[in-house]
Amino acid sequence: MGFGLRTMGQAVLLVMMVFSIYQAVLRSAKLHCDGPMEAVLGMFQFALDHLGKVATAPVIGTLLHGGILGGVTAERANRRWK
């Protein structure tokens, strides 16, 4: 079960990172930023803003249930095909 929750957390962080990088590239391409450092700092601010918007009870509940279900399924498959 621990593996499912850890993987769920890693997936959320990876998706937020990739989406923030994408938004930073779009903003810098449209010249909304004065330089590359402002785009990088804006990327972190964007990630924090959207992580706060996504952190609602239904989303967290779905992620936790999916992580637990995935961990239990992986553990059963490990025991069966060991």
C-alpha atoms as a PDB file:
ATOM      1  CA  MET A   1       0.000   0.000   0.000  1.00  0.00           C
ATOM      2  CA  GLY A   2       2.870   2.381   0.747  1.00  0.00           C
ATOM      3  CA  PHE A   3       4.157   2.042  -2.794  1.00  0.00           C
ATOM      4  CA  GLY A   4       0.827   3.128  -4.249  1.00  0.00           C
ATOM      5  CA  LEU A   5       0.642   6.248  -2.084  1.00  0.00           C
ATOM      6  CA  ARG A   6       4.259   7.158  -2.798  1.00  0.00           C
ATOM      7  CA  THR A   7       3.744   6.689  -6.531  1.00  0.00           C
ATOM      8  CA  MET A   8       0.602   8.816  -6.380  1.00  0.00           C
ATOM      9  CA  GLY A   9       2.525  11.620  -4.682  1.00  0.00           C
ATOM     10  CA  GLN A  10       5.342  11.406  -7.194  1.00  0.00           C
ATOM     11  CA  ALA A  11       2.887  11.479 -10.093  1.00  0.00           C
ATOM     12  CA  VAL A  12       1.187  14.608  -8.722  1.00  0.00           C
ATOM     13  CA  LEU A  13       4.540  16.368  -8.296  1.00  0.00           C
ATOM     14  CA  LEU A  14       5.682  15.334 -11.771  1.00  0.00           C
ATOM     15  CA  VAL A  15       2.480  16.559 -13.425  1.00  0.00           C
ATOM     16  CA  MET A  16       2.630  19.872 -11.554  1.00  0.00           C
ATOM     17  CA  MET A  17       6.286  20.322 -12.528  1.00  0.00           C
ATOM     18  CA  VAL A  18       5.711  19.546 -16.206  1.00  0.00           C
ATOM     19  CA  PHE A  19       2.631  21.785 -16.377  1.00  0.00           C
ATOM     20  CA  SER A  20       4.502  24.644 -14.668  1.00  0.00           C
ATOM     21  CA  ILE A  21       7.436  24.335 -17.058  1.00  0.00           C
ATOM     22  CA  TYR A  22       5.026  24.367 -19.991  1.00  0.00           C
ATOM     23  CA  GLN A  23       3.337  27.508 -18.681  1.00  0.00           C
ATOM     24  CA  ALA A  24       6.723  29.178 -18.068  1.00  0.00           C
ATOM     25  CA  VAL A  25       7.778  28.467 -21.654  1.00  0.00           C
ATOM     26  CA  LEU A  26       4.493  29.861 -22.988  1.00  0.00           C
ATOM     27  CA  ARG A  27       4.797  32.994 -20.858  1.00  0.00           C
ATOM     28  CA  SER A  28       8.387  33.607 -21.912  1.00  0.00           C
ATOM     29  CA  ALA A  29       7.566  32.993 -25.583  1.00  0.00           C
ATOM     30  CA  LYS A  30       4.822  35.624 -25.395  1.00  0.00           C
ATOM     31  CA  LEU A  31       7.330  37.992 -23.740  1.00  0.00           C
ATOM     32  CA  HIS A  32       5.334  38.295 -20.506  1.00  0.00           C
ATOM     33  CA  CYS A  33       8.596  37.890 -18.582  1.00  0.00           C
ATOM     34  CA  ASP A  34      11.556  40.254 -18.604  1.00  0.00           C
ATOM     35  CA  GLY A  35      14.129  37.472 -18.453  1.00  0.00           C
ATOM     36  CA  PRO A  36      14.712  33.776 -17.911  1.00  0.00           C
ATOM     37  CA  MET A  37      15.041  34.113 -14.141  1.00  0.00           C
ATOM     38  CA  GLU A  38      11.645  35.761 -13.892  1.00  0.00           C
ATOM     39  CA  ALA A  39      10.170  32.876 -15.914  1.00  0.00           C
ATOM     40  CA  VAL A  40      11.728  30.304 -13.557  1.00  0.00           C
ATOM     41  CA  LEU A  41      10.492  32.103 -10.446  1.00  0.00           C
ATOM     42  CA  GLY A  42       7.089  32.496 -12.065  1.00  0.00           C
ATOM     43  CA  MET A  43       7.066  28.754 -12.699  1.00  0.00           C
ATOM     44  CA  PHE A  44       7.348  28.022  -8.980  1.00  0.00           C
ATOM     45  CA  GLN A  45       4.709  30.608  -8.134  1.00  0.00           C
ATOM     46  CA  PHE A  46       2.406  29.139 -10.779  1.00  0.00           C
ATOM     47  CA  ALA A  47       2.886  25.636  -9.332  1.00  0.00           C
ATOM     48  CA  LEU A  48       2.105  26.807  -5.800  1.00  0.00           C
ATOM     49  CA  ASP A  49      -0.982  28.712  -6.916  1.00  0.00           C
ATOM     50  CA  HIS A  50      -2.417  25.784  -8.840  1.00  0.00           C
ATOM     51  CA  LEU A  51      -1.501  23.209  -6.211  1.00  0.00           C
ATOM     52  CA  GLY A  52      -3.624  25.223  -3.799  1.00  0.00           C
ATOM     53  CA  LYS A  53      -6.520  25.248  -6.253  1.00  0.00           C
ATOM     54  CA  VAL A  54      -6.281  21.510  -6.892  1.00  0.00           C
ATOM     55  CA  ALA A  55      -5.998  20.570  -3.208  1.00  0.00           C
ATOM     56  CA  THR A  56      -9.709  20.093  -2.633  1.00  0.00           C
ATOM     57  CA  ALA A  57     -11.361  17.272  -0.734  1.00  0.00           C
ATOM     58  CA  PRO A  58     -12.712  15.401  -3.802  1.00  0.00           C
ATOM     59  CA  VAL A  59      -9.357  15.506  -5.604  1.00  0.00           C
ATOM     60  CA  ILE A  60      -7.356  14.464  -2.530  1.00  0.00           C
ATOM     61  CA  GLY A  61      -9.861  11.703  -1.752  1.00  0.00           C
ATOM     62  CA  THR A  62      -9.698  10.362  -5.291  1.00  0.00           C
ATOM     63  CA  LEU A  63      -5.892  10.410  -5.271  1.00  0.00           C
ATOM     64  CA  LEU A  64      -5.713   8.644  -1.908  1.00  0.00           C
ATOM     65  CA  HIS A  65      -8.224   5.968  -2.880  1.00  0.00           C
ATOM     66  CA  GLY A  66      -6.471   5.403  -6.212  1.00  0.00           C
ATOM     67  CA  GLY A  67      -3.081   5.209  -4.514  1.00  0.00           C
ATOM     68  CA  ILE A  68      -4.305   2.711  -1.937  1.00  0.00           C
ATOM     69  CA  LEU A  69      -6.065   0.605  -4.582  1.00  0.00           C
ATOM     70  CA  GLY A  70      -2.976   0.648  -6.803  1.00  0.00           C
ATOM     71  CA  GLY A  71      -0.723  -0.348  -3.909  1.00  0.00           C
ATOM     72  CA  VAL A  72      -2.959  -3.221  -2.838  1.00  0.00           C
ATOM     73  CA  THR A  73      -3.242  -4.449  -6.422  1.00  0.00           C
ATOM     74  CA  ALA A  74       0.528  -4.299  -6.925  1.00  0.00           C
ATOM     75  CA  GLU A  75       1.113  -6.180  -3.656  1.00  0.00           C
ATOM     76  CA  ARG A  76      -1.333  -8.931  -4.633  1.00  0.00           C
ATOM     77  CA  ALA A  77       0.261  -9.245  -8.072  1.00  0.00           C
ATOM     78  CA  ASN A  78       3.677  -9.464  -6.421  1.00  0.00           C
ATOM     79  CA  ARG A  79       2.542 -12.283  -4.147  1.00  0.00           C
ATOM     80  CA  ARG A  80       0.811 -14.158  -6.943  1.00  0.00           C
ATOM     81  CA  TRP A  81       3.627 -14.099  -9.504  1.00  0.00           C
ATOM     82  CA  LYS A  82       6.582 -14.317  -7.155  1.00  0.00           C
END
